[in-house]
PDB file of N, CA and C in Angstrom:
ATOM      1  N   MET A   1      23.584  -5.691 -47.429  1.00  0.00           N
ATOM      2  CA  MET A   1      24.369  -4.477 -47.564  1.00  0.00           C
ATOM      3  C   MET A   1      25.476  -4.708 -48.598  1.00  0.00           C
ATOM      4  N   THR A   2      25.662  -3.754 -49.494  1.00  0.00           N
ATOM      5  CA  THR A   2      26.681  -3.883 -50.525  1.00  0.00           C
ATOM      6  C   THR A   2      27.977  -3.245 -50.058  1.00  0.00           C
ATOM      7  N   GLU A   3      29.068  -3.765 -50.555  1.00  0.00           N
ATOM      8  CA  GLU A   3      30.379  -3.265 -50.185  1.00  0.00           C
ATOM      9  C   GLU A   3      30.884  -2.305 -51.256  1.00  0.00           C
ATOM     10  N   ILE A   4      31.249  -1.092 -50.847  1.00  0.00           N
ATOM     11  CA  ILE A   4      31.805  -0.095 -51.756  1.00  0.00           C
ATOM     12  C   ILE A   4      33.304  -0.343 -51.859  1.00  0.00           C
ATOM     13  N   THR A   5      33.805  -0.592 -53.060  1.00  0.00           N
ATOM     14  CA  THR A   5      35.230  -0.843 -53.244  1.00  0.00           C
ATOM     15  C   THR A   5      35.932   0.279 -53.999  1.00  0.00           C
ATOM     16  N   ILE A   6      35.166   1.153 -54.640  1.00  0.00           N
ATOM     17  CA  ILE A   6      35.735   2.289 -55.372  1.00  0.00           C
ATOM     18  C   ILE A   6      34.962   3.531 -54.955  1.00  0.00           C
ATOM     19  N   ARG A   7      35.673   4.604 -54.615  1.00  0.00           N
ATOM     20  CA  ARG A   7      35.002   5.828 -54.193  1.00  0.00           C
ATOM     21  C   ARG A   7      35.690   7.031 -54.828  1.00  0.00           C
ATOM     22  N   CYS A   8      34.896   7.964 -55.338  1.00  0.00           N
ATOM     23  CA  CYS A   8      35.429   9.206 -55.886  1.00  0.00           C
ATOM     24  C   CYS A   8      35.889  10.075 -54.723  1.00  0.00           C
ATOM     25  N   THR A   9      37.137  10.534 -54.777  1.00  0.00           N
ATOM     26  CA  THR A   9      37.657  11.361 -53.694  1.00  0.00           C
ATOM     27  C   THR A   9      37.143  12.791 -53.783  1.00  0.00           C
ATOM     28  N   ASN A  10      36.522  13.150 -54.897  1.00  0.00           N
ATOM     29  CA  ASN A  10      35.995  14.502 -55.057  1.00  0.00           C
ATOM     30  C   ASN A  10      34.588  14.634 -54.485  1.00  0.00           C
ATOM     31  N   CYS A  11      33.666  13.751 -54.915  1.00  0.00           N
ATOM     32  CA  CYS A  11      32.270  13.874 -54.479  1.00  0.00           C
ATOM     33  C   CYS A  11      31.847  12.777 -53.509  1.00  0.00           C
ATOM     34  N   GLY A  12      32.653  11.706 -53.402  1.00  0.00           N
ATOM     35  CA  GLY A  12      32.337  10.632 -52.475  1.00  0.00           C
ATOM     36  C   GLY A  12      31.425   9.550 -53.027  1.00  0.00           C
ATOM     37  N   LEU A  13      31.045   9.637 -54.303  1.00  0.00           N
ATOM     38  CA  LEU A  13      30.188   8.620 -54.905  1.00  0.00           C
ATOM     39  C   LEU A  13      30.910   7.280 -54.895  1.00  0.00           C
ATOM     40  N   GLY A  14      30.206   6.229 -54.465  1.00  0.00           N
ATOM     41  CA  GLY A  14      30.835   4.924 -54.354  1.00  0.00           C
ATOM     42  C   GLY A  14      30.293   3.920 -55.349  1.00  0.00           C
ATOM     43  N   PHE A  15      31.135   2.957 -55.696  1.00  0.00           N
ATOM     44  CA  PHE A  15      30.778   1.888 -56.624  1.00  0.00           C
ATOM     45  C   PHE A  15      31.177   0.562 -56.009  1.00  0.00           C
ATOM     46  N   GLU A  16      30.414  -0.487 -56.317  1.00  0.00           N
ATOM     47  CA  GLU A  16      30.675  -1.805 -55.759  1.00  0.00           C
ATOM     48  C   GLU A  16      31.822  -2.525 -56.457  1.00  0.00           C
ATOM     49  N   SER A  17      32.049  -2.215 -57.731  1.00  0.00           N
ATOM     50  CA  SER A  17      33.068  -2.940 -58.499  1.00  0.00           C
ATOM     51  C   SER A  17      33.437  -2.139 -59.741  1.00  0.00           C
ATOM     52  N   ASP A  18      34.463  -2.609 -60.452  1.00  0.00           N
ATOM     53  CA  ASP A  18      34.822  -1.984 -61.725  1.00  0.00           C
ATOM     54  C   ASP A  18      33.645  -2.045 -62.689  1.00  0.00           C
ATOM     55  N   TYR A  19      32.927  -3.175 -62.681  1.00  0.00           N
ATOM     56  CA  TYR A  19      31.767  -3.340 -63.565  1.00  0.00           C
ATOM     57  C   TYR A  19      30.692  -2.308 -63.234  1.00  0.00           C
ATOM     58  N   ASP A  20      30.441  -2.103 -61.944  1.00  0.00           N
ATOM     59  CA  ASP A  20      29.445  -1.120 -61.506  1.00  0.00           C
ATOM     60  C   ASP A  20      29.837   0.275 -61.989  1.00  0.00           C
ATOM     61  N   LEU A  21      31.113   0.612 -61.873  1.00  0.00           N
ATOM     62  CA  LEU A  21      31.606   1.903 -62.348  1.00  0.00           C
ATOM     63  C   LEU A  21      31.423   2.021 -63.855  1.00  0.00           C
ATOM     64  N   GLU A  22      31.790   0.983 -64.598  1.00  0.00           N
ATOM     65  CA  GLU A  22      31.680   1.014 -66.057  1.00  0.00           C
ATOM     66  C   GLU A  22      30.243   1.222 -66.514  1.00  0.00           C
ATOM     67  N   GLN A  23      29.285   0.683 -65.782  1.00  0.00           N
ATOM     68  CA  GLN A  23      27.878   0.833 -66.145  1.00  0.00           C
ATOM     69  C   GLN A  23      27.416   2.281 -65.999  1.00  0.00           C
ATOM     70  N   ASN A  24      28.133   3.068 -65.191  1.00  0.00           N
ATOM     71  CA  ASN A  24      27.762   4.456 -64.951  1.00  0.00           C
ATOM     72  C   ASN A  24      28.546   5.443 -65.803  1.00  0.00           C
ATOM     73  N   LEU A  25      29.438   4.956 -66.660  1.00  0.00           N
ATOM     74  CA  LEU A  25      30.265   5.856 -67.456  1.00  0.00           C
ATOM     75  C   LEU A  25      29.576   6.369 -68.711  1.00  0.00           C
ATOM     76  N   VAL A  26      28.463   5.773 -69.088  1.00  0.00           N
ATOM     77  CA  VAL A  26      27.761   6.183 -70.303  1.00  0.00           C
ATOM     78  C   VAL A  26      26.572   7.059 -69.929  1.00  0.00           C
ATOM     79  N   ASP A  27      26.516   8.256 -70.510  1.00  0.00           N
ATOM     80  CA  ASP A  27      25.386   9.160 -70.298  1.00  0.00           C
ATOM     81  C   ASP A  27      24.171   8.564 -70.993  1.00  0.00           C
ATOM     82  N   GLN A  28      23.136   8.264 -70.240  1.00  0.00           N
ATOM     83  CA  GLN A  28      21.949   7.610 -70.789  1.00  0.00           C
ATOM     84  C   GLN A  28      21.208   8.483 -71.801  1.00  0.00           C
ATOM     85  N   ASP A  29      21.325   9.801 -71.684  1.00  0.00           N
ATOM     86  CA  ASP A  29      20.622  10.712 -72.590  1.00  0.00           C
ATOM     87  C   ASP A  29      21.347  10.898 -73.921  1.00  0.00           C
ATOM     88  N   THR A  30      22.676  11.026 -73.862  1.00  0.00           N
ATOM     89  CA  THR A  30      23.436  11.333 -75.073  1.00  0.00           C
ATOM     90  C   THR A  30      24.235  10.153 -75.614  1.00  0.00           C
ATOM     91  N   GLY A  31      24.457   9.134 -74.781  1.00  0.00           N
ATOM     92  CA  GLY A  31      25.295   8.016 -75.184  1.00  0.00           C
ATOM     93  C   GLY A  31      26.775   8.321 -75.061  1.00  0.00           C
ATOM     94  N   GLU A  32      27.114   9.529 -74.578  1.00  0.00           N
ATOM     95  CA  GLU A  32      28.504   9.935 -74.421  1.00  0.00           C
ATOM     96  C   GLU A  32      29.154   9.143 -73.289  1.00  0.00           C
ATOM     97  N   ILE A  33      30.408   8.753 -73.504  1.00  0.00           N
ATOM     98  CA  ILE A  33      31.158   8.034 -72.478  1.00  0.00           C
ATOM     99  C   ILE A  33      32.018   9.035 -71.724  1.00  0.00           C
ATOM    100  N   HIS A  34      31.934   9.010 -70.403  1.00  0.00           N
ATOM    101  CA  HIS A  34      32.741   9.897 -69.559  1.00  0.00           C
ATOM    102  C   HIS A  34      34.001   9.165 -69.129  1.00  0.00           C
ATOM    103  N   ASP A  35      35.066   9.899 -68.931  1.00  0.00           N
ATOM    104  CA  ASP A  35      36.328   9.299 -68.505  1.00  0.00           C
ATOM    105  C   ASP A  35      36.497   9.339 -67.002  1.00  0.00           C
ATOM    106  N   GLY A  36      35.503   9.692 -66.277  1.00  0.00           N
ATOM    107  CA  GLY A  36      35.662   9.811 -64.847  1.00  0.00           C
ATOM    108  C   GLY A  36      34.378   9.592 -64.111  1.00  0.00           C
ATOM    109  N   CYS A  37      34.308  10.148 -62.935  1.00  0.00           N
ATOM    110  CA  CYS A  37      33.127  10.004 -62.095  1.00  0.00           C
ATOM    111  C   CYS A  37      31.903  10.533 -62.836  1.00  0.00           C
ATOM    112  N   PRO A  38      30.828   9.749 -62.922  1.00  0.00           N
ATOM    113  CA  PRO A  38      29.653  10.209 -63.653  1.00  0.00           C
ATOM    114  C   PRO A  38      28.983  11.413 -63.007  1.00  0.00           C
ATOM    115  N   THR A  39      29.242  11.652 -61.736  1.00  0.00           N
ATOM    116  CA  THR A  39      28.686  12.822 -61.063  1.00  0.00           C
ATOM    117  C   THR A  39      29.537  14.057 -61.339  1.00  0.00           C
ATOM    118  N   CYS A  40      30.846  13.917 -61.186  1.00  0.00           N
ATOM    119  CA  CYS A  40      31.755  15.056 -61.364  1.00  0.00           C
ATOM    120  C   CYS A  40      31.997  15.363 -62.840  1.00  0.00           C
ATOM    121  N   GLU A  41      32.027  14.322 -63.676  1.00  0.00           N
ATOM    122  CA  GLU A  41      32.251  14.465 -65.113  1.00  0.00           C
ATOM    123  C   GLU A  41      33.474  15.314 -65.437  1.00  0.00           C
ATOM    124  N   THR A  42      34.557  15.107 -64.687  1.00  0.00           N
ATOM    125  CA  THR A  42      35.792  15.827 -64.969  1.00  0.00           C
ATOM    126  C   THR A  42      36.712  14.952 -65.792  1.00  0.00           C
ATOM    127  N   ASP A  43      37.631  15.570 -66.522  1.00  0.00           N
ATOM    128  CA  ASP A  43      38.597  14.807 -67.310  1.00  0.00           C
ATOM    129  C   ASP A  43      39.504  13.973 -66.414  1.00  0.00           C
ATOM    130  N   ALA A  44      39.705  14.428 -65.194  1.00  0.00           N
ATOM    131  CA  ALA A  44      40.623  13.750 -64.277  1.00  0.00           C
ATOM    132  C   ALA A  44      39.897  12.876 -63.269  1.00  0.00           C
ATOM    133  N   TYR A  45      38.632  12.545 -63.526  1.00  0.00           N
ATOM    134  CA  TYR A  45      37.892  11.857 -62.484  1.00  0.00           C
ATOM    135  C   TYR A  45      38.435  10.474 -62.171  1.00  0.00           C
ATOM    136  N   LEU A  46      39.087   9.826 -63.114  1.00  0.00           N
ATOM    137  CA  LEU A  46      39.671   8.526 -62.791  1.00  0.00           C
ATOM    138  C   LEU A  46      40.785   8.683 -61.772  1.00  0.00           C
ATOM    139  N   MET A  47      41.469   9.821 -61.794  1.00  0.00           N
ATOM    140  CA  MET A  47      42.470  10.078 -60.769  1.00  0.00           C
ATOM    141  C   MET A  47      41.795  10.345 -59.434  1.00  0.00           C
ATOM    142  N   ASP A  48      40.540  10.767 -59.465  1.00  0.00           N
ATOM    143  CA  ASP A  48      39.806  11.033 -58.241  1.00  0.00           C
ATOM    144  C   ASP A  48      39.224   9.763 -57.634  1.00  0.00           C
ATOM    145  N   LEU A  49      39.347   8.641 -58.320  1.00  0.00           N
ATOM    146  CA  LEU A  49      38.790   7.388 -57.828  1.00  0.00           C
ATOM    147  C   LEU A  49      39.877   6.577 -57.136  1.00  0.00           C
ATOM    148  N   ILE A  50      39.562   6.108 -55.954  1.00  0.00           N
ATOM    149  CA  ILE A  50      40.487   5.276 -55.198  1.00  0.00           C
ATOM    150  C   ILE A  50      39.843   3.918 -55.022  1.00  0.00           C
ATOM    151  N   LYS A  51      40.568   2.869 -55.344  1.00  0.00           N
ATOM    152  CA  LYS A  51      40.039   1.520 -55.185  1.00  0.00           C
ATOM    153  C   LYS A  51      40.522   0.959 -53.847  1.00  0.00           C
ATOM    154  N   TYR A  52      39.616   0.339 -53.125  1.00  0.00           N
ATOM    155  CA  TYR A  52      39.920  -0.235 -51.825  1.00  0.00           C
ATOM    156  C   TYR A  52      39.731  -1.751 -51.893  1.00  0.00           C
ATOM    157  N   PRO A  53      40.686  -2.499 -52.460  1.00  0.00           N
ATOM    158  CA  PRO A  53      40.474  -3.938 -52.646  1.00  0.00           C
ATOM    159  C   PRO A  53      40.522  -4.741 -51.353  1.00  0.00           C
ATOM    160  N   ASP A  54      41.127  -4.212 -50.316  1.00  0.00           N
ATOM    161  CA  ASP A  54      41.300  -4.979 -49.088  1.00  0.00           C
ATOM    162  C   ASP A  54      40.299  -4.613 -48.004  1.00  0.00           C
ATOM    163  N   LEU A  55      39.263  -3.864 -48.355  1.00  0.00           N
ATOM    164  CA  LEU A  55      38.278  -3.491 -47.343  1.00  0.00           C
ATOM    165  C   LEU A  55      37.492  -4.713 -46.900  1.00  0.00           C
ATOM    166  N   GLU A  56      37.328  -4.839 -45.621  1.00  0.00           N
ATOM    167  CA  GLU A  56      36.531  -5.925 -45.049  1.00  0.00           C
ATOM    168  C   GLU A  56      35.245  -5.316 -44.528  1.00  0.00           C
ATOM    169  N   PRO A  57      34.107  -5.990 -44.696  1.00  0.00           N
ATOM    170  CA  PRO A  57      32.862  -5.472 -44.130  1.00  0.00           C
ATOM    171  C   PRO A  57      32.969  -5.399 -42.609  1.00  0.00           C
ATOM    172  N   ALA A  58      32.401  -4.354 -42.058  1.00  0.00           N
ATOM    173  CA  ALA A  58      32.431  -4.180 -40.603  1.00  0.00           C
ATOM    174  C   ALA A  58      31.511  -5.194 -39.946  1.00  0.00           C
ATOM    175  N   ASN A  59      32.006  -5.851 -38.924  1.00  0.00           N
ATOM    176  CA  ASN A  59      31.204  -6.802 -38.158  1.00  0.00           C
ATOM    177  C   ASN A  59      30.822  -6.161 -36.840  1.00  0.00           C
ATOM    178  N   ASP A  60      29.574  -5.747 -36.734  1.00  0.00           N
ATOM    179  CA  ASP A  60      29.120  -5.099 -35.497  1.00  0.00           C
ATOM    180  C   ASP A  60      28.452  -6.098 -34.589  1.00  0.00           C
TER     181      ASP A  60
END
């Protein structure tokens, strides 16, 4: 199971790391770089992203 450390507060899309997020910022069809959530594609999407560096995996 992968740990989500960054989540868009608008759509809820999660990323495992900054690197994972960066890999999703480029539109594969046009090569355009987005400044925010690749799903929401808003100018303010980076403000919609919250990083959770201290999250611990749940031990059930």
